[in-house]
Amino acid sequence: MFFRSTTTPTRSFYLHNAATGGAYRVRSEPGIRTFDDRNSFWNTTIPDEGVKTPGVGVVVDLKNISSQGVAQISVSAAKNAPAQQAAANGSHGRH
């Protein structure tokens, strides 16, 4: 079974730099059950990493992970999500 529970912490690991011989330790982080796209997953100091989410209030809750590794989730709108308007071309975006 890949996950022991729905909140298993990530594993820490090292990234090695062959040019300098140095190593950077990536620390373990606690597992989470809820993803909310209004949170930030992007850092201006490392813009090629992470992702800018639209911040419209999409909430994904992890309910369970079966012994076969199948995740049961629920997707909902946050209760206080910002209002969105459809653009003239049919795409959605923040205005």
N, C-alpha and C. Protein backbone atom coordinates (compact mmCIF):
# COMPACT_ATOMS: atom_id res chain seq x y z
N MET A 1 0.85 -1.17 0.00
CA MET A 1 0.00 0.00 0.00
C MET A 1 0.90 1.24 0.00
N PHE A 2 0.66 2.17 -0.90
CA PHE A 2 1.48 3.37 -1.04
C PHE A 2 1.31 4.32 0.13
N PHE A 3 0.08 4.57 0.56
CA PHE A 3 -0.20 5.46 1.66
C PHE A 3 -0.68 4.66 2.85
N ARG A 4 -0.15 4.94 4.04
CA ARG A 4 -0.66 4.29 5.25
C ARG A 4 -1.91 4.97 5.75
N SER A 5 -1.99 6.23 5.52
CA SER A 5 -3.18 7.00 5.90
C SER A 5 -3.29 8.17 4.94
N THR A 6 -4.35 8.93 5.08
CA THR A 6 -4.53 10.06 4.18
C THR A 6 -3.68 11.26 4.56
N THR A 7 -3.01 11.20 5.69
CA THR A 7 -2.20 12.34 6.11
C THR A 7 -0.75 11.95 6.37
N THR A 8 -0.25 10.96 5.64
CA THR A 8 1.12 10.53 5.79
C THR A 8 2.07 11.66 5.38
N PRO A 9 3.07 11.97 6.22
CA PRO A 9 4.02 13.04 5.84
C PRO A 9 4.85 12.64 4.61
N THR A 10 5.34 13.64 3.91
CA THR A 10 6.24 13.37 2.79
C THR A 10 7.57 12.89 3.35
N ARG A 11 8.39 12.31 2.50
CA ARG A 11 9.72 11.87 2.91
C ARG A 11 10.72 12.99 2.67
N SER A 12 11.68 13.11 3.57
CA SER A 12 12.75 14.07 3.32
C SER A 12 13.75 13.43 2.36
N PHE A 13 14.49 14.26 1.62
CA PHE A 13 15.48 13.75 0.68
C PHE A 13 16.51 14.84 0.42
N TYR A 14 17.58 14.47 -0.25
CA TYR A 14 18.65 15.40 -0.58
C TYR A 14 18.73 15.61 -2.09
N LEU A 15 18.97 16.85 -2.49
CA LEU A 15 19.28 17.19 -3.87
C LEU A 15 20.76 17.52 -3.91
N HIS A 16 21.47 16.87 -4.81
CA HIS A 16 22.92 17.06 -4.90
C HIS A 16 23.26 17.92 -6.11
N ASN A 17 24.22 18.83 -5.90
CA ASN A 17 24.68 19.70 -6.97
C ASN A 17 26.04 19.21 -7.42
N ALA A 18 26.09 18.61 -8.61
CA ALA A 18 27.35 18.06 -9.12
C ALA A 18 28.40 19.14 -9.35
N ALA A 19 27.98 20.34 -9.70
CA ALA A 19 28.93 21.42 -9.98
C ALA A 19 29.65 21.89 -8.73
N THR A 20 28.92 21.97 -7.62
CA THR A 20 29.53 22.49 -6.39
C THR A 20 29.87 21.40 -5.39
N GLY A 21 29.30 20.22 -5.59
CA GLY A 21 29.51 19.13 -4.63
C GLY A 21 28.64 19.28 -3.39
N GLY A 22 27.82 20.31 -3.37
CA GLY A 22 26.96 20.55 -2.22
C GLY A 22 25.68 19.74 -2.28
N ALA A 23 24.98 19.75 -1.16
CA ALA A 23 23.70 19.05 -1.09
C ALA A 23 22.70 19.93 -0.37
N TYR A 24 21.46 19.82 -0.78
CA TYR A 24 20.38 20.57 -0.17
C TYR A 24 19.35 19.57 0.35
N ARG A 25 19.03 19.66 1.62
CA ARG A 25 18.06 18.74 2.21
C ARG A 25 16.64 19.32 2.06
N VAL A 26 15.76 18.55 1.46
CA VAL A 26 14.35 18.89 1.37
C VAL A 26 13.69 18.19 2.55
N ARG A 27 13.18 18.97 3.48
CA ARG A 27 12.61 18.40 4.70
C ARG A 27 11.25 17.78 4.47
N SER A 28 10.92 16.86 5.34
CA SER A 28 9.60 16.25 5.33
C SER A 28 8.54 17.30 5.66
N GLU A 29 7.40 17.18 5.02
CA GLU A 29 6.27 18.07 5.28
C GLU A 29 5.08 17.23 5.72
N PRO A 30 4.23 17.77 6.55
CA PRO A 30 3.05 17.01 6.95
C PRO A 30 2.12 16.78 5.76
N GLY A 31 1.44 15.65 5.77
CA GLY A 31 0.45 15.38 4.73
C GLY A 31 -0.76 16.29 4.91
N ILE A 32 -1.45 16.53 3.84
CA ILE A 32 -2.66 17.36 3.93
C ILE A 32 -3.83 16.61 3.31
N ARG A 33 -5.03 16.91 3.74
CA ARG A 33 -6.24 16.29 3.20
C ARG A 33 -6.99 17.23 2.28
N THR A 34 -6.72 18.54 2.37
CA THR A 34 -7.51 19.50 1.61
C THR A 34 -6.61 20.39 0.76
N PHE A 35 -6.97 20.51 -0.53
CA PHE A 35 -6.33 21.44 -1.45
C PHE A 35 -7.32 22.57 -1.71
N ASP A 36 -6.86 23.79 -1.60
CA ASP A 36 -7.70 24.96 -1.86
C ASP A 36 -6.94 25.84 -2.84
N ASP A 37 -7.50 26.07 -4.02
CA ASP A 37 -6.75 26.81 -5.05
C ASP A 37 -6.59 28.29 -4.73
N ARG A 38 -7.18 28.76 -3.64
CA ARG A 38 -6.96 30.16 -3.23
C ARG A 38 -5.63 30.32 -2.51
N ASN A 39 -4.99 29.21 -2.12
CA ASN A 39 -3.67 29.26 -1.49
C ASN A 39 -2.60 29.42 -2.57
N SER A 40 -1.45 29.90 -2.17
CA SER A 40 -0.36 30.12 -3.11
C SER A 40 0.52 28.88 -3.23
N PHE A 41 0.82 28.49 -4.47
CA PHE A 41 1.71 27.38 -4.75
C PHE A 41 2.82 27.84 -5.69
N TRP A 42 3.16 29.13 -5.61
CA TRP A 42 4.15 29.73 -6.50
C TRP A 42 5.01 30.68 -5.69
N ASN A 43 6.28 30.76 -6.01
CA ASN A 43 7.22 31.59 -5.29
C ASN A 43 7.96 32.47 -6.29
N THR A 44 7.94 33.78 -6.07
CA THR A 44 8.58 34.71 -7.01
C THR A 44 10.09 34.49 -7.11
N THR A 45 10.73 33.96 -6.07
CA THR A 45 12.18 33.75 -6.12
C THR A 45 12.56 32.54 -6.96
N ILE A 46 11.62 31.60 -7.16
CA ILE A 46 11.86 30.44 -8.03
C ILE A 46 10.64 30.27 -8.94
N PRO A 47 10.45 31.18 -9.90
CA PRO A 47 9.24 31.19 -10.71
C PRO A 47 9.06 29.97 -11.61
N ASP A 48 10.12 29.22 -11.89
CA ASP A 48 9.98 28.03 -12.72
C ASP A 48 9.45 26.83 -11.94
N GLU A 49 9.31 26.98 -10.65
CA GLU A 49 8.79 25.91 -9.80
C GLU A 49 7.41 26.30 -9.30
N GLY A 50 6.59 25.33 -9.01
CA GLY A 50 5.26 25.60 -8.50
C GLY A 50 4.29 25.96 -9.61
N VAL A 51 3.14 26.44 -9.21
CA VAL A 51 2.10 26.75 -10.17
C VAL A 51 1.25 27.90 -9.64
N LYS A 52 0.83 28.77 -10.55
CA LYS A 52 -0.12 29.82 -10.19
C LYS A 52 -1.52 29.25 -10.38
N THR A 53 -2.29 29.18 -9.32
CA THR A 53 -3.66 28.68 -9.43
C THR A 53 -4.60 29.86 -9.65
N PRO A 54 -5.76 29.63 -10.26
CA PRO A 54 -6.67 30.74 -10.56
C PRO A 54 -7.28 31.38 -9.32
N GLY A 55 -7.31 30.66 -8.20
CA GLY A 55 -7.84 31.25 -6.97
C GLY A 55 -9.34 31.47 -6.99
N VAL A 56 -10.07 30.59 -7.65
CA VAL A 56 -11.52 30.76 -7.76
C VAL A 56 -12.30 30.06 -6.65
N GLY A 57 -11.59 29.35 -5.78
CA GLY A 57 -12.27 28.70 -4.66
C GLY A 57 -12.58 27.24 -4.86
N VAL A 58 -11.80 26.53 -5.70
CA VAL A 58 -11.97 25.09 -5.86
C VAL A 58 -11.32 24.40 -4.66
N VAL A 59 -12.09 23.57 -3.99
CA VAL A 59 -11.61 22.85 -2.81
C VAL A 59 -11.71 21.35 -3.10
N VAL A 60 -10.59 20.65 -2.95
CA VAL A 60 -10.56 19.20 -3.14
C VAL A 60 -10.21 18.57 -1.80
N ASP A 61 -11.12 17.73 -1.29
CA ASP A 61 -10.90 17.04 -0.02
C ASP A 61 -10.61 15.58 -0.29
N LEU A 62 -9.52 15.08 0.27
CA LEU A 62 -9.16 13.67 0.18
C LEU A 62 -9.91 12.94 1.29
N LYS A 63 -10.81 12.05 0.90
CA LYS A 63 -11.64 11.33 1.87
C LYS A 63 -10.98 10.04 2.32
N ASN A 64 -10.39 9.30 1.38
CA ASN A 64 -9.82 7.99 1.69
C ASN A 64 -8.91 7.55 0.55
N ILE A 65 -7.96 6.68 0.85
CA ILE A 65 -7.16 6.01 -0.16
C ILE A 65 -7.26 4.53 0.12
N SER A 66 -7.75 3.78 -0.86
CA SER A 66 -7.94 2.35 -0.68
C SER A 66 -6.60 1.62 -0.64
N SER A 67 -6.63 0.36 -0.25
CA SER A 67 -5.40 -0.43 -0.21
C SER A 67 -4.84 -0.65 -1.61
N GLN A 68 -5.66 -0.44 -2.65
CA GLN A 68 -5.19 -0.53 -4.04
C GLN A 68 -4.64 0.81 -4.53
N GLY A 69 -4.69 1.84 -3.70
CA GLY A 69 -4.15 3.14 -4.08
C GLY A 69 -5.15 4.05 -4.77
N VAL A 70 -6.44 3.72 -4.73
CA VAL A 70 -7.46 4.54 -5.36
C VAL A 70 -7.94 5.59 -4.36
N ALA A 71 -7.89 6.84 -4.78
CA ALA A 71 -8.28 7.95 -3.89
C ALA A 71 -9.76 8.26 -4.06
N GLN A 72 -10.43 8.46 -2.93
CA GLN A 72 -11.82 8.94 -2.94
C GLN A 72 -11.75 10.40 -2.54
N ILE A 73 -12.24 11.30 -3.42
CA ILE A 73 -12.16 12.74 -3.17
C ILE A 73 -13.53 13.38 -3.33
N SER A 74 -13.66 14.57 -2.81
CA SER A 74 -14.83 15.40 -3.12
C SER A 74 -14.31 16.74 -3.61
N VAL A 75 -14.98 17.30 -4.59
CA VAL A 75 -14.62 18.59 -5.16
C VAL A 75 -15.79 19.53 -4.94
N SER A 76 -15.51 20.70 -4.38
CA SER A 76 -16.58 21.65 -4.09
C SER A 76 -16.07 23.07 -4.26
N ALA A 77 -17.00 23.99 -4.20
CA ALA A 77 -16.66 25.42 -4.23
C ALA A 77 -16.56 25.92 -2.80
N ALA A 78 -15.55 26.74 -2.54
CA ALA A 78 -15.41 27.33 -1.21
C ALA A 78 -16.62 28.22 -0.93
N LYS A 79 -17.03 28.26 0.30
CA LYS A 79 -18.21 29.05 0.66
C LYS A 79 -18.03 30.53 0.38
N ASN A 80 -16.81 31.03 0.52
CA ASN A 80 -16.57 32.46 0.30
C ASN A 80 -15.68 32.69 -0.91
N ALA A 81 -15.91 31.90 -1.98
CA ALA A 81 -15.11 32.03 -3.20
C ALA A 81 -15.41 33.35 -3.89
N PRO A 82 -14.40 33.96 -4.52
CA PRO A 82 -14.64 35.20 -5.25
C PRO A 82 -15.51 34.95 -6.46
N ALA A 83 -16.32 35.92 -6.84
CA ALA A 83 -17.19 35.80 -8.01
C ALA A 83 -16.36 35.79 -9.28
N GLN A 84 -16.75 35.01 -10.26
CA GLN A 84 -16.06 34.93 -11.54
C GLN A 84 -17.02 35.30 -12.65
N GLN A 85 -16.48 35.89 -13.70
CA GLN A 85 -17.29 36.23 -14.87
C GLN A 85 -16.69 35.54 -16.07
N ALA A 86 -17.53 35.04 -16.96
CA ALA A 86 -17.04 34.42 -18.20
C ALA A 86 -16.60 35.51 -19.15
N ALA A 87 -15.46 35.30 -19.78
CA ALA A 87 -14.96 36.25 -20.78
C ALA A 87 -15.78 36.11 -22.06
N ALA A 88 -15.69 37.07 -22.93
CA ALA A 88 -16.47 37.08 -24.18
C ALA A 88 -16.12 35.88 -25.06
N ASN A 89 -14.87 35.38 -25.00
CA ASN A 89 -14.48 34.26 -25.84
C ASN A 89 -14.86 32.92 -25.24
N GLY A 90 -15.53 32.91 -24.11
CA GLY A 90 -15.97 31.67 -23.50
C GLY A 90 -15.02 31.12 -22.46
N SER A 91 -13.80 31.66 -22.38
CA SER A 91 -12.87 31.17 -21.36
C SER A 91 -13.19 31.86 -20.04
N HIS A 92 -12.69 31.27 -18.98
CA HIS A 92 -12.92 31.83 -17.65
C HIS A 92 -11.62 32.40 -17.12
N GLY A 93 -11.73 33.47 -16.38
CA GLY A 93 -10.55 34.08 -15.81
C GLY A 93 -10.92 35.13 -14.81
N ARG A 94 -9.95 35.59 -14.09
CA ARG A 94 -10.19 36.63 -13.09
C ARG A 94 -10.24 37.98 -13.78
N HIS A 95 -11.26 38.76 -13.51
CA HIS A 95 -11.43 40.07 -14.14
C HIS A 95 -11.41 41.15 -13.11
